[in-house]
Amino acid sequence: MKRKWILPALFFLVLFQWACTTDFSKDNPTLTKNALGMNTLIQISIYDEEIDEQILDEAFDYALELENRLSRYVPDSDIAKINGSAGVGYVQVQAETVDLIEKCMDYSEQTEGAFDITLGALTDLWGIAVGKNHIATQEEIDEALRHVGYENILINRDDNAIMLAKQGVILDLGAVGKGYISEKVREFLLEKGVERAIINFGGNIVLIGKNKNDKPFRVGIQEPFNDRGEYLAVVSSEKTALVSSGSYERNFRGDDGTLYHHIMNPFDGRPVQNGLSQVTIVCDDATRADILSTAVFVMGVERGLAYIEQLDDVQAVLVTDEKKVIVTDGLKDNLELLKK
């Protein structure tokens, strides 16, 4: 069992960046490129001494290709086609799309529904993920919940075809897309011979190798509610993926001060309210980390920690609304607090 240590009286929101205040800021990349994609800022930095700049361009092109295949907002994407045929018939899609959806369904079963990619009706209802904030009524929520449930996903593996069992069910890969694409970009860069790099997809961090000093990369943790670049802590990691989910990312407050955010509870149809503010997962696969960060956030502290402790080679940082930080034992020696 993973032991946990708790830091009370801290508010610990994580926005991963790589220009931290320690030795990392001195370790300048050989090549860096920024672009907008997936409704966020993407940055890839390569630290190899000699590298062809064209590799960066190809990596961004590959990321865009994957986004165009998986985004429900791209009209001819695999996901848009599946959603458009809900309750009508099977849609043949790329084999890789089927692989990803099968993986998502596996985690839906493992987490007893805490992770679910059929939340499109709920995310559309509340509108928080796209900046169209709406406080839903119970009647609206009940109607949307009629179209939620991963059991509505039907797969014909022989034909690489997928169908949604009834009209109104909407696939939304927002809780896994950035992790999956960043992991695929990592694989692409490795195939091109890249040995040292950092991939940042809007705070989803994927690492390749070590820094130029042959030490683990140091990933800065943003000081909550402060200017970008004011760090609370640093994680030194040889794992390839560090992914966070939290109520601070996209949210708004109602007239009564209630915070509404973009992470939906598949069971009650509302933004998750369970005492957690943020979850960070550290493991060797960004797809898995992205899925688990959402699943654990939905589960809450007790159930989420119990689930993580059953998994091999996965560590977590949980932040409660009461400003406590819970860190699984495998990260204890790799987390450096910069401020008390």
C-alpha atoms as a PDB file:
ATOM      1  CA  MET A   1       0.000   0.000   0.000  1.00  0.00           C
ATOM      2  CA  LYS A   2       1.238   3.495  -0.820  1.00  0.00           C
ATOM      3  CA  ARG A   3       1.688   5.590   2.320  1.00  0.00           C
ATOM      4  CA  LYS A   4       0.509   9.192   2.238  1.00  0.00           C
ATOM      5  CA  TRP A   5       1.797  12.361   3.843  1.00  0.00           C
ATOM      6  CA  ILE A   6      -0.343  15.407   4.425  1.00  0.00           C
ATOM      7  CA  LEU A   7       0.659  19.069   4.392  1.00  0.00           C
ATOM      8  CA  PRO A   8      -2.047  21.025   6.229  1.00  0.00           C
ATOM      9  CA  ALA A   9      -2.986  24.665   5.696  1.00  0.00           C
ATOM     10  CA  LEU A  10      -1.697  24.983   2.158  1.00  0.00           C
ATOM     11  CA  PHE A  11      -3.642  25.768  -0.984  1.00  0.00           C
ATOM     12  CA  PHE A  12      -1.888  23.895  -3.739  1.00  0.00           C
ATOM     13  CA  LEU A  13      -3.129  24.452  -7.281  1.00  0.00           C
ATOM     14  CA  VAL A  14      -0.903  22.974  -9.921  1.00  0.00           C
ATOM     15  CA  LEU A  15      -0.190  24.617 -13.258  1.00  0.00           C
ATOM     16  CA  PHE A  16       2.839  22.845 -14.617  1.00  0.00           C
ATOM     17  CA  GLN A  17       5.478  24.910 -16.360  1.00  0.00           C
ATOM     18  CA  TRP A  18       9.124  24.293 -16.958  1.00  0.00           C
ATOM     19  CA  ALA A  19      10.737  27.704 -16.318  1.00  0.00           C
ATOM     20  CA  CYS A  20      11.064  27.132 -12.604  1.00  0.00           C
ATOM     21  CA  THR A  21      13.225  29.118 -10.240  1.00  0.00           C
ATOM     22  CA  THR A  22      15.778  26.367  -9.671  1.00  0.00           C
ATOM     23  CA  ASP A  23      18.431  24.849 -11.945  1.00  0.00           C
ATOM     24  CA  PHE A  24      15.836  24.212 -14.636  1.00  0.00           C
ATOM     25  CA  SER A  25      15.675  27.864 -15.707  1.00  0.00           C
ATOM     26  CA  LYS A  26      19.368  27.670 -16.583  1.00  0.00           C
ATOM     27  CA  ASP A  27      18.891  24.610 -18.763  1.00  0.00           C
ATOM     28  CA  ASN A  28      17.753  26.298 -21.959  1.00  0.00           C
ATOM     29  CA  PRO A  29      16.236  24.149 -24.706  1.00  0.00           C
ATOM     30  CA  THR A  30      17.892  23.804 -28.085  1.00  0.00           C
ATOM     31  CA  LEU A  31      14.566  24.258 -29.877  1.00  0.00           C
ATOM     32  CA  THR A  32      11.158  25.454 -28.684  1.00  0.00           C
ATOM     33  CA  LYS A  33       7.908  25.970 -30.518  1.00  0.00           C
ATOM     34  CA  ASN A  34       4.530  27.305 -29.326  1.00  0.00           C
ATOM     35  CA  ALA A  35       1.103  27.049 -30.917  1.00  0.00           C
ATOM     36  CA  LEU A  36      -2.563  27.130 -30.028  1.00  0.00           C
ATOM     37  CA  GLY A  37      -4.475  23.875 -30.195  1.00  0.00           C
ATOM     38  CA  MET A  38      -7.188  21.953 -28.328  1.00  0.00           C
ATOM     39  CA  ASN A  39      -8.336  25.248 -26.822  1.00  0.00           C
ATOM     40  CA  THR A  40      -5.022  25.686 -25.035  1.00  0.00           C
ATOM     41  CA  LEU A  41      -1.355  26.629 -25.478  1.00  0.00           C
ATOM     42  CA  ILE A  42       0.948  23.873 -26.699  1.00  0.00           C
ATOM     43  CA  GLN A  43       4.701  24.056 -26.278  1.00  0.00           C
ATOM     44  CA  ILE A  44       7.364  21.530 -27.219  1.00  0.00           C
ATOM     45  CA  SER A  45      10.965  22.046 -26.097  1.00  0.00           C
ATOM     46  CA  ILE A  46      13.815  19.819 -27.233  1.00  0.00           C
ATOM     47  CA  TYR A  47      17.116  19.747 -25.316  1.00  0.00           C
ATOM     48  CA  ASP A  48      19.232  17.571 -27.621  1.00  0.00           C
ATOM     49  CA  GLU A  49      22.428  19.249 -28.763  1.00  0.00           C
ATOM     50  CA  GLU A  50      21.821  18.623 -32.456  1.00  0.00           C
ATOM     51  CA  ILE A  51      18.313  18.304 -33.788  1.00  0.00           C
ATOM     52  CA  ASP A  52      16.532  19.134 -37.023  1.00  0.00           C
ATOM     53  CA  GLU A  53      14.037  21.954 -36.513  1.00  0.00           C
ATOM     54  CA  GLN A  54      11.717  20.251 -38.989  1.00  0.00           C
ATOM     55  CA  ILE A  55      10.986  17.622 -36.342  1.00  0.00           C
ATOM     56  CA  LEU A  56       9.131  20.241 -34.291  1.00  0.00           C
ATOM     57  CA  ASP A  57       7.006  21.239 -37.273  1.00  0.00           C
ATOM     58  CA  GLU A  58       6.189  17.601 -37.957  1.00  0.00           C
ATOM     59  CA  ALA A  59       5.277  17.020 -34.306  1.00  0.00           C
ATOM     60  CA  PHE A  60       2.824  19.925 -34.333  1.00  0.00           C
ATOM     61  CA  ASP A  61       1.340  18.739 -37.616  1.00  0.00           C
ATOM     62  CA  TYR A  62       0.853  15.310 -36.086  1.00  0.00           C
ATOM     63  CA  ALA A  63      -0.846  16.797 -33.011  1.00  0.00           C
ATOM     64  CA  LEU A  64      -3.209  18.759 -35.265  1.00  0.00           C
ATOM     65  CA  GLU A  65      -3.994  15.616 -37.268  1.00  0.00           C
ATOM     66  CA  LEU A  66      -4.943  13.798 -34.070  1.00  0.00           C
ATOM     67  CA  GLU A  67      -7.037  16.703 -32.828  1.00  0.00           C
ATOM     68  CA  ASN A  68      -8.935  16.782 -36.131  1.00  0.00           C
ATOM     69  CA  ARG A  69      -9.662  13.082 -35.712  1.00  0.00           C
ATOM     70  CA  LEU A  70     -10.792  13.191 -32.077  1.00  0.00           C
ATOM     71  CA  SER A  71     -12.402  16.574 -31.439  1.00  0.00           C
ATOM     72  CA  ARG A  72     -16.194  16.519 -31.360  1.00  0.00           C
ATOM     73  CA  TYR A  73     -16.119  20.114 -32.606  1.00  0.00           C
ATOM     74  CA  VAL A  74     -14.425  19.235 -35.916  1.00  0.00           C
ATOM     75  CA  PRO A  75     -17.326  18.380 -38.287  1.00  0.00           C
ATOM     76  CA  ASP A  76     -15.676  15.456 -40.090  1.00  0.00           C
ATOM     77  CA  SER A  77     -13.789  13.994 -37.120  1.00  0.00           C
ATOM     78  CA  ASP A  78     -14.309  10.392 -36.051  1.00  0.00           C
ATOM     79  CA  ILE A  79     -16.043  11.577 -32.886  1.00  0.00           C
ATOM     80  CA  ALA A  80     -18.345  14.000 -34.720  1.00  0.00           C
ATOM     81  CA  LYS A  81     -19.360  11.220 -37.109  1.00  0.00           C
ATOM     82  CA  ILE A  82     -20.126   8.863 -34.232  1.00  0.00           C
ATOM     83  CA  ASN A  83     -22.163  11.536 -32.454  1.00  0.00           C
ATOM     84  CA  GLY A  84     -24.015  12.364 -35.657  1.00  0.00           C
ATOM     85  CA  SER A  85     -25.155   8.759 -36.047  1.00  0.00           C
ATOM     86  CA  ALA A  86     -26.217   8.214 -32.423  1.00  0.00           C
ATOM     87  CA  GLY A  87     -29.127   5.802 -32.310  1.00  0.00           C
ATOM     88  CA  VAL A  88     -28.940   5.294 -36.074  1.00  0.00           C
ATOM     89  CA  GLY A  89     -26.094   2.948 -36.921  1.00  0.00           C
ATOM     90  CA  TYR A  90     -22.430   2.020 -36.700  1.00  0.00           C
ATOM     91  CA  VAL A  91     -19.752   4.367 -38.029  1.00  0.00           C
ATOM     92  CA  GLN A  92     -16.425   3.050 -39.294  1.00  0.00           C
ATOM     93  CA  VAL A  93     -13.503   5.008 -37.839  1.00  0.00           C
ATOM     94  CA  GLN A  94      -9.733   4.766 -37.510  1.00  0.00           C
ATOM     95  CA  ALA A  95      -8.490   1.728 -35.602  1.00  0.00           C
ATOM     96  CA  GLU A  96      -6.606   4.037 -33.230  1.00  0.00           C
ATOM     97  CA  THR A  97      -9.877   5.773 -32.361  1.00  0.00           C
ATOM     98  CA  VAL A  98     -11.422   2.436 -31.444  1.00  0.00           C
ATOM     99  CA  ASP A  99      -8.356   1.596 -29.342  1.00  0.00           C
ATOM    100  CA  LEU A 100      -8.717   4.838 -27.382  1.00  0.00           C
ATOM    101  CA  ILE A 101     -12.467   4.467 -26.840  1.00  0.00           C
ATOM    102  CA  GLU A 102     -11.988   0.870 -25.681  1.00  0.00           C
ATOM    103  CA  LYS A 103      -9.378   2.055 -23.196  1.00  0.00           C
ATOM    104  CA  CYS A 104     -11.765   4.728 -21.931  1.00  0.00           C
ATOM    105  CA  MET A 105     -14.509   2.132 -21.489  1.00  0.00           C
ATOM    106  CA  ASP A 106     -12.116  -0.119 -19.562  1.00  0.00           C
ATOM    107  CA  TYR A 107     -11.400   2.715 -17.134  1.00  0.00           C
ATOM    108  CA  SER A 108     -15.114   3.508 -16.889  1.00  0.00           C
ATOM    109  CA  GLU A 109     -15.661  -0.051 -15.684  1.00  0.00           C
ATOM    110  CA  GLN A 110     -12.654   0.021 -13.346  1.00  0.00           C
ATOM    111  CA  THR A 111     -13.792   3.305 -11.766  1.00  0.00           C
ATOM    112  CA  GLU A 112     -17.452   2.230 -11.639  1.00  0.00           C
ATOM    113  CA  GLY A 113     -18.458   5.109 -13.880  1.00  0.00           C
ATOM    114  CA  ALA A 114     -16.428   7.905 -12.278  1.00  0.00           C
ATOM    115  CA  PHE A 115     -14.704   8.305 -15.642  1.00  0.00           C
ATOM    116  CA  ASP A 116     -17.135   8.534 -18.547  1.00  0.00           C
ATOM    117  CA  ILE A 117     -16.709   9.931 -22.066  1.00  0.00           C
ATOM    118  CA  THR A 118     -20.462  10.144 -22.736  1.00  0.00           C
ATOM    119  CA  LEU A 119     -20.901  13.394 -20.787  1.00  0.00           C
ATOM    120  CA  GLY A 120     -21.447  15.574 -23.859  1.00  0.00           C
ATOM    121  CA  ALA A 121     -25.079  16.298 -23.003  1.00  0.00           C
ATOM    122  CA  LEU A 122     -24.023  17.552 -19.571  1.00  0.00           C
ATOM    123  CA  THR A 123     -21.071  19.596 -20.761  1.00  0.00           C
ATOM    124  CA  ASP A 124     -23.278  21.208 -23.394  1.00  0.00           C
ATOM    125  CA  LEU A 125     -25.964  21.937 -20.802  1.00  0.00           C
ATOM    126  CA  TRP A 126     -23.664  23.727 -18.368  1.00  0.00           C
ATOM    127  CA  GLY A 127     -21.477  25.222 -21.113  1.00  0.00           C
ATOM    128  CA  ILE A 128     -18.551  25.893 -18.774  1.00  0.00           C
ATOM    129  CA  ALA A 129     -15.941  24.129 -20.895  1.00  0.00           C
ATOM    130  CA  VAL A 130     -16.624  26.511 -23.800  1.00  0.00           C
ATOM    131  CA  GLY A 131     -17.315  29.674 -21.823  1.00  0.00           C
ATOM    132  CA  LYS A 132     -21.133  29.598 -22.154  1.00  0.00           C
ATOM    133  CA  ASN A 133     -21.834  29.466 -18.448  1.00  0.00           C
ATOM    134  CA  HIS A 134     -25.297  28.272 -17.432  1.00  0.00           C
ATOM    135  CA  ILE A 135     -26.622  27.113 -14.057  1.00  0.00           C
ATOM    136  CA  ALA A 136     -28.778  24.160 -15.003  1.00  0.00           C
ATOM    137  CA  THR A 137     -32.133  23.392 -13.424  1.00  0.00           C
ATOM    138  CA  GLN A 138     -32.856  19.972 -11.973  1.00  0.00           C
ATOM    139  CA  GLU A 139     -35.282  19.300 -14.806  1.00  0.00           C
ATOM    140  CA  GLU A 140     -32.566  20.091 -17.366  1.00  0.00           C
ATOM    141  CA  ILE A 141     -30.069  17.905 -15.505  1.00  0.00           C
ATOM    142  CA  ASP A 142     -32.461  14.964 -15.345  1.00  0.00           C
ATOM    143  CA  GLU A 143     -33.036  15.186 -19.090  1.00  0.00           C
ATOM    144  CA  ALA A 144     -29.297  15.341 -19.834  1.00  0.00           C
ATOM    145  CA  LEU A 145     -28.585  12.374 -17.543  1.00  0.00           C
ATOM    146  CA  ARG A 146     -30.910  10.271 -19.685  1.00  0.00           C
ATOM    147  CA  HIS A 147     -28.216  10.523 -22.372  1.00  0.00           C
ATOM    148  CA  VAL A 148     -25.201   9.737 -20.181  1.00  0.00           C
ATOM    149  CA  GLY A 149     -23.643   6.323 -19.626  1.00  0.00           C
ATOM    150  CA  TYR A 150     -20.646   4.544 -21.129  1.00  0.00           C
ATOM    151  CA  GLU A 151     -22.761   1.416 -21.576  1.00  0.00           C
ATOM    152  CA  ASN A 152     -24.329   3.250 -24.541  1.00  0.00           C
ATOM    153  CA  ILE A 153     -21.075   2.814 -26.499  1.00  0.00           C
ATOM    154  CA  LEU A 154     -21.227  -0.208 -28.802  1.00  0.00           C
ATOM    155  CA  ILE A 155     -18.113  -1.448 -30.609  1.00  0.00           C
ATOM    156  CA  ASN A 156     -17.772  -3.692 -33.646  1.00  0.00           C
ATOM    157  CA  ARG A 157     -14.067  -4.450 -33.508  1.00  0.00           C
ATOM    158  CA  ASP A 158     -14.041  -6.510 -36.710  1.00  0.00           C
ATOM    159  CA  ASP A 159     -15.038  -3.458 -38.752  1.00  0.00           C
ATOM    160  CA  ASN A 160     -13.495  -0.795 -36.463  1.00  0.00           C
ATOM    161  CA  ALA A 161     -16.979   0.639 -36.114  1.00  0.00           C
ATOM    162  CA  ILE A 162     -18.676   2.367 -33.201  1.00  0.00           C
ATOM    163  CA  MET A 163     -22.300   3.194 -32.480  1.00  0.00           C
ATOM    164  CA  LEU A 164     -24.056   5.089 -29.710  1.00  0.00           C
ATOM    165  CA  ALA A 165     -27.088   3.124 -28.606  1.00  0.00           C
ATOM    166  CA  LYS A 166     -29.589   5.982 -28.548  1.00  0.00           C
ATOM    167  CA  GLN A 167     -30.052   9.472 -29.908  1.00  0.00           C
ATOM    168  CA  GLY A 168     -28.872  12.287 -27.681  1.00  0.00           C
ATOM    169  CA  VAL A 169     -25.804  10.441 -26.373  1.00  0.00           C
ATOM    170  CA  ILE A 170     -22.715  12.569 -27.087  1.00  0.00           C
ATOM    171  CA  LEU A 171     -19.099  11.440 -26.895  1.00  0.00           C
ATOM    172  CA  ASP A 172     -16.760  14.061 -25.468  1.00  0.00           C
ATOM    173  CA  LEU A 173     -13.049  13.193 -25.147  1.00  0.00           C
ATOM    174  CA  GLY A 174     -12.170  16.393 -23.287  1.00  0.00           C
ATOM    175  CA  ALA A 175     -11.041  14.416 -20.228  1.00  0.00           C
ATOM    176  CA  VAL A 176      -8.560  12.312 -22.197  1.00  0.00           C
ATOM    177  CA  GLY A 177      -7.751  14.091 -25.467  1.00  0.00           C
ATOM    178  CA  LYS A 178      -4.803  16.206 -24.378  1.00  0.00           C
ATOM    179  CA  GLY A 179      -3.223  13.318 -22.515  1.00  0.00           C
ATOM    180  CA  TYR A 180      -3.633  10.953 -25.447  1.00  0.00           C
ATOM    181  CA  ILE A 181      -2.317  13.370 -28.061  1.00  0.00           C
ATOM    182  CA  SER A 182       0.648  14.450 -25.941  1.00  0.00           C
ATOM    183  CA  GLU A 183       1.531  10.782 -25.388  1.00  0.00           C
ATOM    184  CA  LYS A 184       1.349  10.105 -29.128  1.00  0.00           C
ATOM    185  CA  VAL A 185       3.583  13.124 -29.771  1.00  0.00           C
ATOM    186  CA  ARG A 186       6.070  11.720 -27.257  1.00  0.00           C
ATOM    187  CA  GLU A 187       6.111   8.430 -29.174  1.00  0.00           C
ATOM    188  CA  PHE A 188       6.595  10.353 -32.433  1.00  0.00           C
ATOM    189  CA  LEU A 189       9.582  12.286 -31.062  1.00  0.00           C
ATOM    190  CA  LEU A 190      11.167   9.125 -29.708  1.00  0.00           C
ATOM    191  CA  GLU A 191      10.868   7.515 -33.127  1.00  0.00           C
ATOM    192  CA  LYS A 192      12.678  10.554 -34.560  1.00  0.00           C
ATOM    193  CA  GLY A 193      15.563  10.009 -32.164  1.00  0.00           C
ATOM    194  CA  VAL A 194      14.780  12.775 -29.655  1.00  0.00           C
ATOM    195  CA  GLU A 195      16.370  11.968 -26.291  1.00  0.00           C
ATOM    196  CA  ARG A 196      15.576  15.017 -24.121  1.00  0.00           C
ATOM    197  CA  ALA A 197      12.350  16.995 -24.395  1.00  0.00           C
ATOM    198  CA  ILE A 198       9.365  18.472 -22.589  1.00  0.00           C
ATOM    199  CA  ILE A 199       5.887  18.484 -24.113  1.00  0.00           C
ATOM    200  CA  ASN A 200       3.359  20.829 -22.511  1.00  0.00           C
ATOM    201  CA  PHE A 201      -0.258  20.579 -23.626  1.00  0.00           C
ATOM    202  CA  GLY A 202      -1.926  23.248 -21.532  1.00  0.00           C
ATOM    203  CA  GLY A 203      -0.440  21.941 -18.300  1.00  0.00           C
ATOM    204  CA  ASN A 204      -0.336  18.278 -19.292  1.00  0.00           C
ATOM    205  CA  ILE A 205       3.395  17.637 -19.060  1.00  0.00           C
ATOM    206  CA  VAL A 206       5.136  14.785 -20.867  1.00  0.00           C
ATOM    207  CA  LEU A 207       8.873  14.266 -20.409  1.00  0.00           C
ATOM    208  CA  ILE A 208      11.464  12.534 -22.553  1.00  0.00           C
ATOM    209  CA  GLY A 209      14.717  11.574 -20.870  1.00  0.00           C
ATOM    210  CA  LYS A 210      16.578  13.836 -18.457  1.00  0.00           C
ATOM    211  CA  ASN A 211      17.903  17.387 -18.618  1.00  0.00           C
ATOM    212  CA  LYS A 212      21.281  18.393 -20.040  1.00  0.00           C
ATOM    213  CA  ASN A 213      22.922  17.709 -16.675  1.00  0.00           C
ATOM    214  CA  ASP A 214      21.598  14.145 -16.841  1.00  0.00           C
ATOM    215  CA  LYS A 215      19.292  14.796 -13.889  1.00  0.00           C
ATOM    216  CA  PRO A 216      15.503  14.493 -13.736  1.00  0.00           C
ATOM    217  CA  PHE A 217      13.593  17.426 -15.138  1.00  0.00           C
ATOM    218  CA  ARG A 218      12.259  19.799 -12.468  1.00  0.00           C
ATOM    219  CA  VAL A 219       8.639  20.712 -13.070  1.00  0.00           C
ATOM    220  CA  GLY A 220       7.434  23.882 -11.360  1.00  0.00           C
ATOM    221  CA  ILE A 221       4.118  23.994  -9.487  1.00  0.00           C
ATOM    222  CA  GLN A 222       2.428  27.364  -9.768  1.00  0.00           C
ATOM    223  CA  GLU A 223       1.658  29.395  -6.640  1.00  0.00           C
ATOM    224  CA  PRO A 224      -2.161  29.495  -6.444  1.00  0.00           C
ATOM    225  CA  PHE A 225      -3.906  32.656  -7.581  1.00  0.00           C
ATOM    226  CA  ASN A 226      -0.559  34.417  -8.081  1.00  0.00           C
ATOM    227  CA  ASP A 227       1.095  35.617 -11.248  1.00  0.00           C
ATOM    228  CA  ARG A 228       2.262  32.982 -13.678  1.00  0.00           C
ATOM    229  CA  GLY A 229       5.789  31.957 -12.782  1.00  0.00           C
ATOM    230  CA  GLU A 230       5.434  32.279  -8.983  1.00  0.00           C
ATOM    231  CA  TYR A 231       6.037  28.738  -7.834  1.00  0.00           C
ATOM    232  CA  LEU A 232       4.978  26.981  -4.677  1.00  0.00           C
ATOM    233  CA  ALA A 233       6.859  23.730  -5.247  1.00  0.00           C
ATOM    234  CA  VAL A 234       8.883  21.692  -7.713  1.00  0.00           C
ATOM    235  CA  VAL A 235       8.598  18.034  -8.651  1.00  0.00           C
ATOM    236  CA  SER A 236      11.737  16.237  -9.832  1.00  0.00           C
ATOM    237  CA  SER A 237      10.528  13.410 -12.000  1.00  0.00           C
ATOM    238  CA  GLU A 238      11.794  10.672 -14.235  1.00  0.00           C
ATOM    239  CA  LYS A 239       8.219   9.660 -15.016  1.00  0.00           C
ATOM    240  CA  THR A 240       6.995  10.653 -18.439  1.00  0.00           C
ATOM    241  CA  ALA A 241       3.667  12.230 -17.526  1.00  0.00           C
ATOM    242  CA  LEU A 242       2.356  14.733 -14.981  1.00  0.00           C
ATOM    243  CA  VAL A 243      -1.306  15.688 -15.475  1.00  0.00           C
ATOM    244  CA  SER A 244      -3.625  17.792 -13.323  1.00  0.00           C
ATOM    245  CA  SER A 245      -7.383  18.258 -13.130  1.00  0.00           C
ATOM    246  CA  GLY A 246      -9.025  20.843 -10.924  1.00  0.00           C
ATOM    247  CA  SER A 247     -11.884  23.196 -10.229  1.00  0.00           C
ATOM    248  CA  TYR A 248      -9.647  26.211 -10.896  1.00  0.00           C
ATOM    249  CA  GLU A 249      -9.204  25.616 -14.624  1.00  0.00           C
ATOM    250  CA  ARG A 250     -12.555  26.694 -16.116  1.00  0.00           C
ATOM    251  CA  ASN A 251     -15.182  27.999 -13.752  1.00  0.00           C
ATOM    252  CA  PHE A 252     -17.532  30.774 -12.734  1.00  0.00           C
ATOM    253  CA  ARG A 253     -19.355  31.809  -9.572  1.00  0.00           C
ATOM    254  CA  GLY A 254     -23.085  32.105  -9.210  1.00  0.00           C
ATOM    255  CA  ASP A 255     -24.781  35.075  -7.584  1.00  0.00           C
ATOM    256  CA  ASP A 256     -24.663  33.239  -4.248  1.00  0.00           C
ATOM    257  CA  GLY A 257     -20.912  32.692  -4.516  1.00  0.00           C
ATOM    258  CA  THR A 258     -21.085  29.006  -5.461  1.00  0.00           C
ATOM    259  CA  LEU A 259     -18.197  27.902  -7.658  1.00  0.00           C
ATOM    260  CA  TYR A 260     -19.247  26.017 -10.779  1.00  0.00           C
ATOM    261  CA  HIS A 261     -16.480  24.341 -12.790  1.00  0.00           C
ATOM    262  CA  HIS A 262     -16.099  22.186 -15.877  1.00  0.00           C
ATOM    263  CA  ILE A 263     -15.573  18.728 -14.324  1.00  0.00           C
ATOM    264  CA  MET A 264     -18.965  17.042 -14.355  1.00  0.00           C
ATOM    265  CA  ASN A 265     -20.183  14.396 -11.942  1.00  0.00           C
ATOM    266  CA  PRO A 266     -21.613  11.559 -14.075  1.00  0.00           C
ATOM    267  CA  PHE A 267     -23.920  10.515 -11.234  1.00  0.00           C
ATOM    268  CA  ASP A 268     -25.731  13.727 -10.262  1.00  0.00           C
ATOM    269  CA  GLY A 269     -25.116  15.765 -13.426  1.00  0.00           C
ATOM    270  CA  ARG A 270     -23.527  18.718 -11.636  1.00  0.00           C
ATOM    271  CA  PRO A 271     -19.987  20.090 -11.332  1.00  0.00           C
ATOM    272  CA  VAL A 272     -18.159  17.875  -8.837  1.00  0.00           C
ATOM    273  CA  GLN A 273     -18.453  19.026  -5.227  1.00  0.00           C
ATOM    274  CA  ASN A 274     -16.688  16.592  -2.920  1.00  0.00           C
ATOM    275  CA  GLY A 275     -14.083  18.588  -1.038  1.00  0.00           C
ATOM    276  CA  LEU A 276     -11.359  18.324  -3.703  1.00  0.00           C
ATOM    277  CA  SER A 277      -9.863  21.287  -5.530  1.00  0.00           C
ATOM    278  CA  GLN A 278      -7.217  19.544  -7.569  1.00  0.00           C
ATOM    279  CA  VAL A 279      -5.707  16.175  -8.483  1.00  0.00           C
ATOM    280  CA  THR A 280      -2.317  15.578 -10.090  1.00  0.00           C
ATOM    281  CA  ILE A 281      -1.316  12.160 -11.397  1.00  0.00           C
ATOM    282  CA  VAL A 282       2.298  11.168 -12.058  1.00  0.00           C
ATOM    283  CA  CYS A 283       2.945   8.009 -14.054  1.00  0.00           C
ATOM    284  CA  ASP A 284       4.571   6.684 -17.238  1.00  0.00           C
ATOM    285  CA  ASP A 285       1.715   7.285 -19.669  1.00  0.00           C
ATOM    286  CA  ALA A 286      -0.036  10.600 -20.334  1.00  0.00           C
ATOM    287  CA  THR A 287      -3.256   8.986 -21.555  1.00  0.00           C
ATOM    288  CA  ARG A 288      -3.557   7.055 -18.328  1.00  0.00           C
ATOM    289  CA  ALA A 289      -2.599  10.105 -16.254  1.00  0.00           C
ATOM    290  CA  ASP A 290      -5.260  12.247 -17.919  1.00  0.00           C
ATOM    291  CA  ILE A 291      -7.954   9.636 -17.344  1.00  0.00           C
ATOM    292  CA  LEU A 292      -6.957   9.038 -13.734  1.00  0.00           C
ATOM    293  CA  SER A 293      -6.751  12.722 -12.813  1.00  0.00           C
ATOM    294  CA  THR A 294     -10.401  13.147 -13.799  1.00  0.00           C
ATOM    295  CA  ALA A 295     -11.550   9.848 -12.293  1.00  0.00           C
ATOM    296  CA  VAL A 296      -9.918  10.516  -8.928  1.00  0.00           C
ATOM    297  CA  PHE A 297     -11.277  14.073  -8.870  1.00  0.00           C
ATOM    298  CA  VAL A 298     -14.784  12.683  -9.332  1.00  0.00           C
ATOM    299  CA  MET A 299     -14.235   9.954  -6.723  1.00  0.00           C
ATOM    300  CA  GLY A 300     -13.079  12.301  -3.975  1.00  0.00           C
ATOM    301  CA  VAL A 301     -10.298  11.938  -1.426  1.00  0.00           C
ATOM    302  CA  GLU A 302     -11.096   8.647   0.325  1.00  0.00           C
ATOM    303  CA  ARG A 303     -12.294   6.646  -2.639  1.00  0.00           C
ATOM    304  CA  GLY A 304      -9.770   8.219  -5.007  1.00  0.00           C
ATOM    305  CA  LEU A 305      -6.802   7.383  -2.797  1.00  0.00           C
ATOM    306  CA  ALA A 306      -8.055   3.845  -2.267  1.00  0.00           C
ATOM    307  CA  TYR A 307      -8.248   3.404  -6.034  1.00  0.00           C
ATOM    308  CA  ILE A 308      -4.768   4.853  -6.689  1.00  0.00           C
ATOM    309  CA  GLU A 309      -3.254   2.605  -4.027  1.00  0.00           C
ATOM    310  CA  GLN A 310      -4.387  -0.438  -6.011  1.00  0.00           C
ATOM    311  CA  LEU A 311      -2.497   0.657  -9.110  1.00  0.00           C
ATOM    312  CA  ASP A 312       1.106  -0.076  -9.944  1.00  0.00           C
ATOM    313  CA  ASP A 313       3.524   2.755 -10.644  1.00  0.00           C
ATOM    314  CA  VAL A 314       1.015   5.605 -10.206  1.00  0.00           C
ATOM    315  CA  GLN A 315       1.463   8.478  -7.759  1.00  0.00           C
ATOM    316  CA  ALA A 316      -0.854  11.359  -6.916  1.00  0.00           C
ATOM    317  CA  VAL A 317      -1.135  14.763  -5.273  1.00  0.00           C
ATOM    318  CA  LEU A 318      -4.602  15.659  -3.985  1.00  0.00           C
ATOM    319  CA  VAL A 319      -5.599  19.117  -2.802  1.00  0.00           C
ATOM    320  CA  THR A 320      -8.683  19.622  -0.661  1.00  0.00           C
ATOM    321  CA  ASP A 321     -10.944  22.643  -0.416  1.00  0.00           C
ATOM    322  CA  GLU A 322      -9.642  22.981   3.157  1.00  0.00           C
ATOM    323  CA  LYS A 323      -6.146  23.651   1.844  1.00  0.00           C
ATOM    324  CA  LYS A 324      -4.595  20.322   2.691  1.00  0.00           C
ATOM    325  CA  VAL A 325      -2.179  18.592   0.346  1.00  0.00           C
ATOM    326  CA  ILE A 326      -2.132  14.790   0.290  1.00  0.00           C
ATOM    327  CA  VAL A 327       0.842  13.200  -1.489  1.00  0.00           C
ATOM    328  CA  THR A 328       1.276   9.483  -2.060  1.00  0.00           C
ATOM    329  CA  ASP A 329       4.478   8.136  -0.625  1.00  0.00           C
ATOM    330  CA  GLY A 330       6.223   7.593  -3.954  1.00  0.00           C
ATOM    331  CA  LEU A 331       6.394  11.357  -4.514  1.00  0.00           C
ATOM    332  CA  LYS A 332       7.455  12.369  -1.012  1.00  0.00           C
ATOM    333  CA  ASP A 333      11.166  12.524  -1.765  1.00  0.00           C
ATOM    334  CA  ASN A 334      10.630  14.190  -5.156  1.00  0.00           C
ATOM    335  CA  LEU A 335       8.491  17.143  -4.073  1.00  0.00           C
ATOM    336  CA  GLU A 336      10.274  20.303  -2.910  1.00  0.00           C
ATOM    337  CA  LEU A 337       8.245  23.051  -1.300  1.00  0.00           C
ATOM    338  CA  LEU A 338       9.559  26.498  -2.219  1.00  0.00           C
ATOM    339  CA  LYS A 339       7.343  28.393   0.230  1.00  0.00           C
ATOM    340  CA  LYS A 340       5.982  27.580   3.671  1.00  0.00           C
END
